[in-house]
Amino acid sequence: MARRNTEAKNSPYKIDAINYTTADAVSNTTGQGGSPRNNTSIWEKLNSMCMDVEWTIGAEGSNSINVTAQLLDLKGRILGRPVTVLWALIASDAAGASQGTLDTASTDLTASTGVMMTEHTGDSLAHARTDTTGKLVMAVEDTSGADFYKVEITVGDRTFVSPLVTFAA
């Protein structure tokens, strides 16, 4: 009968919740969390990914509303690295119940924190990059009266939707 292997395994990819430390591995050569072949744990790799977004919708002033998206890691901490996102302004209703198509009623879109890399569809769709803390602030301007929007941010295969953004009549 074959003897069972009882040696401890030291795979860098195992999920080791018992020996997990709160320090995330940061490498100056491979970046946050390292490459897939780097000897970092699965937890460190997951902690370098965007797992949630904390939204702040500002008050309307001069037909403009600041929409802030703070990207968070697996543990709900500020992500702490820049991320490229797809930012979309979509139509909604007054109750925030609907989530429609791209809304081009917006008359201006400006990044005040982070960088707008490319604007694709008339002030409603853009590729943007957060600042080094995973934060993006976009000023949405609308001069057409009462309008209701939601913002969608897509990071990789995840899509996050904001609370209702409301412009007064």
N, C-alpha and C. Protein backbone atom coordinates (compact mmCIF):
# COMPACT_ATOMS: atom_id res chain seq x y z
N MET A 1 0.84 -1.16 0.00
CA MET A 1 0.00 0.00 0.00
C MET A 1 0.89 1.24 0.00
N ALA A 2 0.51 2.22 -0.81
CA ALA A 2 1.29 3.45 -0.92
C ALA A 2 1.14 4.29 0.34
N ARG A 3 2.23 4.92 0.70
CA ARG A 3 2.20 5.80 1.86
C ARG A 3 1.67 7.17 1.48
N ARG A 4 0.80 7.71 2.28
CA ARG A 4 0.23 9.02 2.02
C ARG A 4 1.24 10.12 2.32
N ASN A 5 1.32 11.10 1.43
CA ASN A 5 2.25 12.21 1.61
C ASN A 5 1.68 13.16 2.67
N THR A 6 2.38 13.32 3.76
CA THR A 6 1.91 14.20 4.84
C THR A 6 2.75 15.46 4.98
N GLU A 7 3.66 15.70 4.02
CA GLU A 7 4.49 16.90 4.09
C GLU A 7 3.66 18.15 3.85
N ALA A 8 4.00 19.22 4.56
CA ALA A 8 3.30 20.50 4.37
C ALA A 8 3.63 21.06 3.00
N LYS A 9 2.65 21.60 2.36
CA LYS A 9 2.83 22.23 1.04
C LYS A 9 3.04 23.73 1.23
N ASN A 10 3.96 24.28 0.47
CA ASN A 10 4.23 25.71 0.55
C ASN A 10 3.88 26.41 -0.76
N SER A 11 2.75 26.09 -1.32
CA SER A 11 2.33 26.71 -2.57
C SER A 11 2.02 28.18 -2.34
N PRO A 12 2.53 29.08 -3.21
CA PRO A 12 2.21 30.50 -3.05
C PRO A 12 0.76 30.80 -3.43
N TYR A 13 0.04 29.82 -3.97
CA TYR A 13 -1.32 30.05 -4.43
C TYR A 13 -2.38 29.46 -3.50
N LYS A 14 -1.97 28.81 -2.42
CA LYS A 14 -2.95 28.21 -1.53
C LYS A 14 -3.67 29.29 -0.73
N ILE A 15 -4.88 28.99 -0.34
CA ILE A 15 -5.63 29.91 0.51
C ILE A 15 -5.31 29.52 1.94
N ASP A 16 -4.58 30.37 2.61
CA ASP A 16 -4.08 30.07 3.94
C ASP A 16 -4.62 31.11 4.92
N ALA A 17 -5.86 30.95 5.32
CA ALA A 17 -6.50 31.94 6.18
C ALA A 17 -5.90 31.95 7.58
N ILE A 18 -5.28 30.84 8.00
CA ILE A 18 -4.72 30.76 9.35
C ILE A 18 -3.48 31.63 9.46
N ASN A 19 -2.61 31.59 8.46
CA ASN A 19 -1.35 32.33 8.52
C ASN A 19 -1.39 33.63 7.73
N TYR A 20 -2.57 34.09 7.41
CA TYR A 20 -2.71 35.32 6.62
C TYR A 20 -2.27 36.53 7.44
N THR A 21 -1.50 37.40 6.79
CA THR A 21 -1.11 38.65 7.43
C THR A 21 -1.85 39.79 6.76
N THR A 22 -1.95 40.91 7.45
CA THR A 22 -2.67 42.06 6.89
C THR A 22 -1.81 42.87 5.96
N ALA A 23 -0.52 42.57 5.89
CA ALA A 23 0.37 43.32 5.01
C ALA A 23 0.25 42.80 3.58
N ASP A 24 0.02 43.69 2.66
CA ASP A 24 -0.05 43.31 1.25
C ASP A 24 1.34 43.44 0.63
N ALA A 25 1.71 42.46 -0.16
CA ALA A 25 3.01 42.50 -0.82
C ALA A 25 2.99 43.51 -1.96
N VAL A 26 3.91 44.46 -1.91
CA VAL A 26 4.04 45.43 -2.99
C VAL A 26 5.44 45.30 -3.54
N SER A 27 5.54 45.12 -4.84
CA SER A 27 6.84 44.99 -5.47
C SER A 27 7.04 46.15 -6.43
N ASN A 28 8.20 46.79 -6.38
CA ASN A 28 8.49 47.91 -7.27
C ASN A 28 8.68 47.45 -8.71
N THR A 29 8.96 46.18 -8.92
CA THR A 29 9.21 45.71 -10.27
C THR A 29 7.99 45.05 -10.91
N THR A 30 7.14 44.42 -10.12
CA THR A 30 5.98 43.73 -10.69
C THR A 30 4.67 44.42 -10.38
N GLY A 31 4.66 45.42 -9.51
CA GLY A 31 3.43 46.13 -9.18
C GLY A 31 2.72 45.53 -7.99
N GLN A 32 1.61 46.16 -7.63
CA GLN A 32 0.82 45.74 -6.48
C GLN A 32 0.35 44.30 -6.64
N GLY A 33 0.63 43.47 -5.68
CA GLY A 33 0.16 42.10 -5.71
C GLY A 33 0.98 41.17 -6.58
N GLY A 34 1.83 41.72 -7.41
CA GLY A 34 2.71 40.89 -8.23
C GLY A 34 2.02 40.27 -9.42
N SER A 35 2.82 39.63 -10.24
CA SER A 35 2.31 38.93 -11.42
C SER A 35 1.76 37.58 -10.99
N PRO A 36 1.01 36.90 -11.87
CA PRO A 36 0.48 35.58 -11.50
C PRO A 36 1.57 34.58 -11.12
N ARG A 37 2.77 34.75 -11.63
CA ARG A 37 3.85 33.80 -11.32
C ARG A 37 4.70 34.26 -10.13
N ASN A 38 4.42 35.44 -9.62
CA ASN A 38 5.16 35.94 -8.47
C ASN A 38 4.74 35.15 -7.22
N ASN A 39 5.61 35.03 -6.27
CA ASN A 39 5.30 34.28 -5.05
C ASN A 39 4.50 35.11 -4.06
N THR A 40 3.31 35.49 -4.46
CA THR A 40 2.40 36.18 -3.54
C THR A 40 1.18 35.31 -3.34
N SER A 41 0.54 35.48 -2.22
CA SER A 41 -0.60 34.62 -1.92
C SER A 41 -1.84 35.07 -2.69
N ILE A 42 -2.83 34.21 -2.75
CA ILE A 42 -4.08 34.54 -3.42
C ILE A 42 -4.75 35.72 -2.75
N TRP A 43 -4.60 35.85 -1.42
CA TRP A 43 -5.21 36.97 -0.70
C TRP A 43 -4.60 38.29 -1.14
N GLU A 44 -3.29 38.33 -1.32
CA GLU A 44 -2.63 39.55 -1.77
C GLU A 44 -3.08 39.92 -3.17
N LYS A 45 -3.26 38.92 -4.04
CA LYS A 45 -3.75 39.19 -5.38
C LYS A 45 -5.18 39.74 -5.34
N LEU A 46 -6.04 39.13 -4.52
CA LEU A 46 -7.42 39.61 -4.40
C LEU A 46 -7.48 41.00 -3.79
N ASN A 47 -6.59 41.30 -2.86
CA ASN A 47 -6.59 42.62 -2.22
C ASN A 47 -6.12 43.72 -3.17
N SER A 48 -5.52 43.36 -4.30
CA SER A 48 -5.10 44.38 -5.25
C SER A 48 -6.18 44.63 -6.30
N MET A 49 -7.31 43.91 -6.20
CA MET A 49 -8.41 44.06 -7.16
C MET A 49 -9.52 44.93 -6.58
N CYS A 50 -10.26 45.59 -7.47
CA CYS A 50 -11.41 46.38 -7.03
C CYS A 50 -12.56 45.43 -6.75
N MET A 51 -13.06 45.44 -5.52
CA MET A 51 -14.16 44.56 -5.12
C MET A 51 -15.44 45.33 -4.79
N ASP A 52 -15.33 46.65 -4.61
CA ASP A 52 -16.51 47.45 -4.30
C ASP A 52 -16.20 48.90 -4.60
N VAL A 53 -17.25 49.72 -4.67
CA VAL A 53 -17.10 51.15 -4.90
C VAL A 53 -17.95 51.89 -3.86
N GLU A 54 -17.35 52.88 -3.23
CA GLU A 54 -18.07 53.76 -2.30
C GLU A 54 -18.39 55.04 -3.06
N TRP A 55 -19.68 55.35 -3.16
CA TRP A 55 -20.15 56.49 -3.96
C TRP A 55 -20.46 57.69 -3.08
N THR A 56 -20.18 58.88 -3.60
CA THR A 56 -20.62 60.13 -2.99
C THR A 56 -21.17 61.00 -4.11
N ILE A 57 -22.43 61.39 -3.98
CA ILE A 57 -23.08 62.25 -4.96
C ILE A 57 -23.17 63.65 -4.34
N GLY A 58 -22.52 64.62 -4.96
CA GLY A 58 -22.51 65.98 -4.44
C GLY A 58 -23.82 66.71 -4.70
N ALA A 59 -23.91 67.90 -4.15
CA ALA A 59 -25.07 68.76 -4.37
C ALA A 59 -24.92 69.49 -5.70
N GLU A 60 -26.06 69.81 -6.32
CA GLU A 60 -26.02 70.53 -7.58
C GLU A 60 -25.62 71.98 -7.34
N GLY A 61 -24.72 72.46 -8.16
CA GLY A 61 -24.28 73.85 -8.10
C GLY A 61 -23.89 74.30 -9.48
N SER A 62 -24.50 75.37 -9.97
CA SER A 62 -24.22 75.88 -11.32
C SER A 62 -24.42 74.80 -12.39
N ASN A 63 -25.52 74.05 -12.26
CA ASN A 63 -25.86 72.98 -13.21
C ASN A 63 -24.83 71.87 -13.28
N SER A 64 -24.08 71.66 -12.19
CA SER A 64 -23.04 70.64 -12.15
C SER A 64 -23.13 69.84 -10.85
N ILE A 65 -22.89 68.54 -10.94
CA ILE A 65 -22.88 67.66 -9.77
C ILE A 65 -21.61 66.81 -9.82
N ASN A 66 -20.86 66.80 -8.70
CA ASN A 66 -19.67 65.94 -8.60
C ASN A 66 -20.10 64.54 -8.17
N VAL A 67 -19.67 63.55 -8.93
CA VAL A 67 -19.91 62.15 -8.60
C VAL A 67 -18.55 61.54 -8.25
N THR A 68 -18.41 61.09 -7.00
CA THR A 68 -17.14 60.53 -6.52
C THR A 68 -17.27 59.02 -6.39
N ALA A 69 -16.31 58.31 -6.95
CA ALA A 69 -16.24 56.86 -6.83
C ALA A 69 -14.91 56.51 -6.18
N GLN A 70 -14.96 55.92 -4.99
CA GLN A 70 -13.75 55.47 -4.30
C GLN A 70 -13.71 53.95 -4.42
N LEU A 71 -12.73 53.41 -5.14
CA LEU A 71 -12.63 51.97 -5.32
C LEU A 71 -12.05 51.34 -4.07
N LEU A 72 -12.62 50.19 -3.68
CA LEU A 72 -12.23 49.51 -2.45
C LEU A 72 -11.74 48.09 -2.76
N ASP A 73 -10.89 47.57 -1.89
CA ASP A 73 -10.36 46.22 -2.08
C ASP A 73 -11.26 45.19 -1.40
N LEU A 74 -10.79 43.96 -1.32
CA LEU A 74 -11.54 42.84 -0.76
C LEU A 74 -11.99 43.09 0.67
N LYS A 75 -11.19 43.82 1.45
CA LYS A 75 -11.51 44.07 2.85
C LYS A 75 -12.22 45.40 3.06
N GLY A 76 -12.61 46.08 1.97
CA GLY A 76 -13.31 47.35 2.09
C GLY A 76 -12.38 48.53 2.36
N ARG A 77 -11.09 48.35 2.09
CA ARG A 77 -10.11 49.42 2.28
C ARG A 77 -9.95 50.19 0.97
N ILE A 78 -9.48 51.43 1.07
CA ILE A 78 -9.15 52.21 -0.12
C ILE A 78 -8.15 51.40 -0.94
N LEU A 79 -8.40 51.30 -2.23
CA LEU A 79 -7.63 50.40 -3.08
C LEU A 79 -6.13 50.72 -3.07
N GLY A 80 -5.78 51.98 -3.12
CA GLY A 80 -4.36 52.35 -3.00
C GLY A 80 -3.54 52.15 -4.25
N ARG A 81 -4.17 52.19 -5.42
CA ARG A 81 -3.43 52.13 -6.68
C ARG A 81 -4.32 52.67 -7.78
N PRO A 82 -3.73 53.17 -8.88
CA PRO A 82 -4.55 53.66 -9.97
C PRO A 82 -5.20 52.51 -10.74
N VAL A 83 -6.41 52.75 -11.25
CA VAL A 83 -7.16 51.75 -11.99
C VAL A 83 -7.80 52.43 -13.20
N THR A 84 -7.79 51.76 -14.35
CA THR A 84 -8.49 52.27 -15.53
C THR A 84 -9.89 51.69 -15.53
N VAL A 85 -10.90 52.56 -15.70
CA VAL A 85 -12.29 52.16 -15.65
C VAL A 85 -13.04 52.66 -16.88
N LEU A 86 -14.16 52.03 -17.16
CA LEU A 86 -15.10 52.53 -18.15
C LEU A 86 -16.21 53.21 -17.35
N TRP A 87 -16.43 54.49 -17.61
CA TRP A 87 -17.37 55.32 -16.86
C TRP A 87 -18.53 55.66 -17.78
N ALA A 88 -19.77 55.35 -17.36
CA ALA A 88 -20.93 55.60 -18.21
C ALA A 88 -22.03 56.31 -17.43
N LEU A 89 -22.64 57.29 -18.07
CA LEU A 89 -23.79 58.00 -17.51
C LEU A 89 -25.03 57.41 -18.16
N ILE A 90 -25.92 56.83 -17.36
CA ILE A 90 -27.08 56.17 -17.91
C ILE A 90 -28.37 56.80 -17.41
N ALA A 91 -29.42 56.70 -18.22
CA ALA A 91 -30.72 57.29 -17.89
C ALA A 91 -31.37 56.52 -16.75
N SER A 92 -32.14 57.25 -15.95
CA SER A 92 -32.92 56.63 -14.88
C SER A 92 -34.24 57.38 -14.77
N ASP A 93 -35.06 57.00 -13.80
CA ASP A 93 -36.30 57.72 -13.53
C ASP A 93 -36.19 58.38 -12.16
N ALA A 94 -37.20 59.16 -11.78
CA ALA A 94 -37.16 59.93 -10.54
C ALA A 94 -37.03 59.06 -9.30
N ALA A 95 -37.50 57.82 -9.38
CA ALA A 95 -37.41 56.92 -8.24
C ALA A 95 -36.10 56.14 -8.21
N GLY A 96 -35.32 56.27 -9.27
CA GLY A 96 -34.06 55.53 -9.36
C GLY A 96 -34.26 54.05 -9.65
N ALA A 97 -35.49 53.70 -10.06
CA ALA A 97 -35.82 52.30 -10.27
C ALA A 97 -35.34 51.78 -11.62
N SER A 98 -35.28 52.65 -12.61
CA SER A 98 -34.88 52.16 -13.93
C SER A 98 -33.39 52.40 -14.17
N GLN A 99 -32.85 51.59 -15.03
CA GLN A 99 -31.46 51.73 -15.41
C GLN A 99 -31.45 51.58 -16.92
N GLY A 100 -31.48 52.72 -17.60
CA GLY A 100 -31.65 52.72 -19.04
C GLY A 100 -30.36 52.66 -19.82
N THR A 101 -30.39 53.30 -20.97
CA THR A 101 -29.25 53.32 -21.87
C THR A 101 -28.39 54.55 -21.61
N LEU A 102 -27.32 54.70 -22.36
CA LEU A 102 -26.49 55.89 -22.24
C LEU A 102 -27.35 57.13 -22.41
N ASP A 103 -27.11 58.13 -21.60
CA ASP A 103 -27.91 59.36 -21.65
C ASP A 103 -27.02 60.50 -22.12
N THR A 104 -27.30 61.03 -23.29
CA THR A 104 -26.47 62.09 -23.85
C THR A 104 -27.03 63.48 -23.54
N ALA A 105 -27.98 63.59 -22.60
CA ALA A 105 -28.52 64.89 -22.23
C ALA A 105 -27.50 65.71 -21.43
N SER A 106 -26.50 65.03 -20.86
CA SER A 106 -25.45 65.74 -20.14
C SER A 106 -24.72 66.67 -21.11
N THR A 107 -24.38 67.87 -20.63
CA THR A 107 -23.76 68.84 -21.52
C THR A 107 -22.25 68.97 -21.31
N ASP A 108 -21.72 68.37 -20.23
CA ASP A 108 -20.27 68.41 -20.02
C ASP A 108 -19.89 67.34 -19.01
N LEU A 109 -18.70 66.82 -19.16
CA LEU A 109 -18.16 65.80 -18.28
C LEU A 109 -16.69 66.12 -18.07
N THR A 110 -16.28 66.29 -16.80
CA THR A 110 -14.92 66.69 -16.49
C THR A 110 -14.40 65.89 -15.30
N ALA A 111 -13.18 65.40 -15.39
CA ALA A 111 -12.55 64.71 -14.26
C ALA A 111 -11.79 65.73 -13.43
N SER A 112 -12.13 65.83 -12.13
CA SER A 112 -11.38 66.73 -11.25
C SER A 112 -10.40 65.94 -10.37
N THR A 113 -10.65 64.66 -10.15
CA THR A 113 -9.70 63.77 -9.49
C THR A 113 -9.59 62.55 -10.37
N GLY A 114 -8.40 62.18 -10.75
CA GLY A 114 -8.21 61.15 -11.74
C GLY A 114 -8.04 61.80 -13.10
N VAL A 115 -8.02 60.99 -14.15
CA VAL A 115 -7.77 61.49 -15.50
C VAL A 115 -8.78 60.89 -16.45
N MET A 116 -9.40 61.74 -17.27
CA MET A 116 -10.24 61.21 -18.34
C MET A 116 -9.32 60.95 -19.52
N MET A 117 -9.22 59.69 -19.92
CA MET A 117 -8.28 59.32 -20.96
C MET A 117 -8.89 59.51 -22.35
N THR A 118 -10.11 59.02 -22.54
CA THR A 118 -10.79 59.15 -23.82
C THR A 118 -12.28 59.28 -23.56
N GLU A 119 -12.91 60.27 -24.17
CA GLU A 119 -14.36 60.41 -24.09
C GLU A 119 -14.92 59.82 -25.38
N HIS A 120 -15.80 58.84 -25.24
CA HIS A 120 -16.28 58.11 -26.41
C HIS A 120 -17.60 58.64 -26.97
N THR A 121 -18.58 58.87 -26.12
CA THR A 121 -19.92 59.23 -26.57
C THR A 121 -20.38 60.47 -25.84
N GLY A 122 -20.49 61.57 -26.56
CA GLY A 122 -20.97 62.85 -26.06
C GLY A 122 -21.26 63.00 -24.59
N ASP A 123 -20.28 63.14 -23.76
CA ASP A 123 -20.41 63.40 -22.32
C ASP A 123 -21.17 62.32 -21.57
N SER A 124 -21.16 61.09 -22.08
CA SER A 124 -21.87 60.03 -21.36
C SER A 124 -21.07 58.73 -21.24
N LEU A 125 -19.97 58.61 -21.95
CA LEU A 125 -19.15 57.40 -21.87
C LEU A 125 -17.69 57.77 -22.02
N ALA A 126 -16.86 57.29 -21.09
CA ALA A 126 -15.44 57.64 -21.14
C ALA A 126 -14.59 56.56 -20.50
N HIS A 127 -13.37 56.42 -20.99
CA HIS A 127 -12.35 55.66 -20.28
C HIS A 127 -11.66 56.65 -19.36
N ALA A 128 -11.50 56.27 -18.11
CA ALA A 128 -10.87 57.16 -17.14
C ALA A 128 -9.93 56.35 -16.26
N ARG A 129 -8.98 57.04 -15.63
CA ARG A 129 -8.05 56.41 -14.69
C ARG A 129 -8.17 57.13 -13.36
N THR A 130 -8.27 56.36 -12.30
CA THR A 130 -8.36 56.93 -10.97
C THR A 130 -7.03 57.54 -10.57
N ASP A 131 -7.02 58.22 -9.44
CA ASP A 131 -5.74 58.69 -8.90
C ASP A 131 -5.04 57.51 -8.23
N THR A 132 -3.95 57.75 -7.54
CA THR A 132 -3.16 56.67 -6.95
C THR A 132 -3.84 56.00 -5.76
N THR A 133 -4.97 56.54 -5.29
CA THR A 133 -5.70 55.92 -4.19
C THR A 133 -6.96 55.21 -4.68
N GLY A 134 -7.15 55.10 -5.99
CA GLY A 134 -8.34 54.46 -6.52
C GLY A 134 -9.57 55.35 -6.49
N LYS A 135 -9.36 56.66 -6.49
CA LYS A 135 -10.48 57.61 -6.40
C LYS A 135 -10.65 58.34 -7.73
N LEU A 136 -11.92 58.52 -8.13
CA LEU A 136 -12.26 59.24 -9.35
C LEU A 136 -13.42 60.17 -9.05
N VAL A 137 -13.25 61.45 -9.38
CA VAL A 137 -14.32 62.43 -9.23
C VAL A 137 -14.61 63.03 -10.59
N MET A 138 -15.86 62.86 -11.04
CA MET A 138 -16.28 63.41 -12.33
C MET A 138 -17.38 64.44 -12.08
N ALA A 139 -17.24 65.60 -12.70
CA ALA A 139 -18.28 66.63 -12.65
C ALA A 139 -19.18 66.43 -13.86
N VAL A 140 -20.46 66.20 -13.60
CA VAL A 140 -21.46 66.03 -14.65
C VAL A 140 -22.25 67.32 -14.72
N GLU A 141 -22.36 67.87 -15.92
CA GLU A 141 -23.11 69.12 -16.10
C GLU A 141 -24.33 68.87 -16.96
N ASP A 142 -25.46 69.47 -16.56
CA ASP A 142 -26.70 69.32 -17.32
C ASP A 142 -27.47 70.62 -17.24
N THR A 143 -27.75 71.21 -18.38
CA THR A 143 -28.48 72.48 -18.42
C THR A 143 -29.88 72.31 -18.99
N SER A 144 -30.32 71.06 -19.19
CA SER A 144 -31.61 70.83 -19.83
C SER A 144 -32.78 70.71 -18.87
N GLY A 145 -32.56 70.95 -17.58
CA GLY A 145 -33.67 70.87 -16.62
C GLY A 145 -33.61 69.62 -15.78
N ALA A 146 -34.78 69.14 -15.36
CA ALA A 146 -34.85 67.98 -14.47
C ALA A 146 -34.43 66.73 -15.22
N ASP A 147 -33.37 66.11 -14.76
CA ASP A 147 -32.89 64.86 -15.33
C ASP A 147 -32.42 63.95 -14.21
N PHE A 148 -32.49 62.66 -14.46
CA PHE A 148 -32.10 61.66 -13.48
C PHE A 148 -31.13 60.68 -14.13
N TYR A 149 -30.03 60.46 -13.44
CA TYR A 149 -28.98 59.60 -13.97
C TYR A 149 -28.52 58.60 -12.92
N LYS A 150 -27.84 57.59 -13.39
CA LYS A 150 -27.01 56.74 -12.55
C LYS A 150 -25.68 56.63 -13.28
N VAL A 151 -24.65 56.36 -12.53
CA VAL A 151 -23.33 56.18 -13.13
C VAL A 151 -22.96 54.71 -13.00
N GLU A 152 -22.46 54.13 -14.07
CA GLU A 152 -21.93 52.78 -14.05
C GLU A 152 -20.42 52.87 -14.24
N ILE A 153 -19.71 52.16 -13.38
CA ILE A 153 -18.27 52.03 -13.54
C ILE A 153 -17.98 50.55 -13.75
N THR A 154 -17.26 50.26 -14.82
CA THR A 154 -16.88 48.88 -15.10
C THR A 154 -15.37 48.76 -14.91
N VAL A 155 -14.99 47.81 -14.04
CA VAL A 155 -13.58 47.51 -13.77
C VAL A 155 -13.41 46.02 -14.05
N GLY A 156 -12.68 45.69 -15.10
CA GLY A 156 -12.55 44.28 -15.47
C GLY A 156 -13.91 43.71 -15.82
N ASP A 157 -14.32 42.67 -15.11
CA ASP A 157 -15.62 42.06 -15.37
C ASP A 157 -16.68 42.47 -14.35
N ARG A 158 -16.39 43.48 -13.53
CA ARG A 158 -17.35 43.93 -12.52
C ARG A 158 -17.95 45.28 -12.91
N THR A 159 -19.25 45.43 -12.69
CA THR A 159 -19.92 46.70 -12.95
C THR A 159 -20.55 47.17 -11.65
N PHE A 160 -20.31 48.43 -11.31
CA PHE A 160 -20.83 49.04 -10.09
C PHE A 160 -21.73 50.21 -10.48
N VAL A 161 -22.89 50.32 -9.84
CA VAL A 161 -23.88 51.34 -10.18
C VAL A 161 -24.05 52.29 -9.00
N SER A 162 -24.07 53.59 -9.31
CA SER A 162 -24.17 54.63 -8.28
C SER A 162 -25.60 54.79 -7.80
N PRO A 163 -25.76 55.52 -6.69
CA PRO A 163 -27.10 55.97 -6.31
C PRO A 163 -27.58 57.00 -7.35
N LEU A 164 -28.81 57.42 -7.23
CA LEU A 164 -29.42 58.35 -8.18
C LEU A 164 -28.74 59.71 -8.17
N VAL A 165 -28.47 60.24 -9.35
CA VAL A 165 -27.93 61.59 -9.54
C VAL A 165 -29.08 62.42 -10.09
N THR A 166 -29.50 63.46 -9.35
CA THR A 166 -30.71 64.21 -9.71
C THR A 166 -30.38 65.66 -9.98
N PHE A 167 -30.79 66.13 -11.16
CA PHE A 167 -30.71 67.56 -11.50
C PHE A 167 -32.08 68.18 -11.33
N ALA A 168 -32.13 69.35 -10.71
CA ALA A 168 -33.41 70.04 -10.47
C ALA A 168 -33.95 70.64 -11.76
N ALA A 169 -35.22 70.96 -11.74
CA ALA A 169 -35.87 71.56 -12.92
C ALA A 169 -35.39 72.97 -13.14
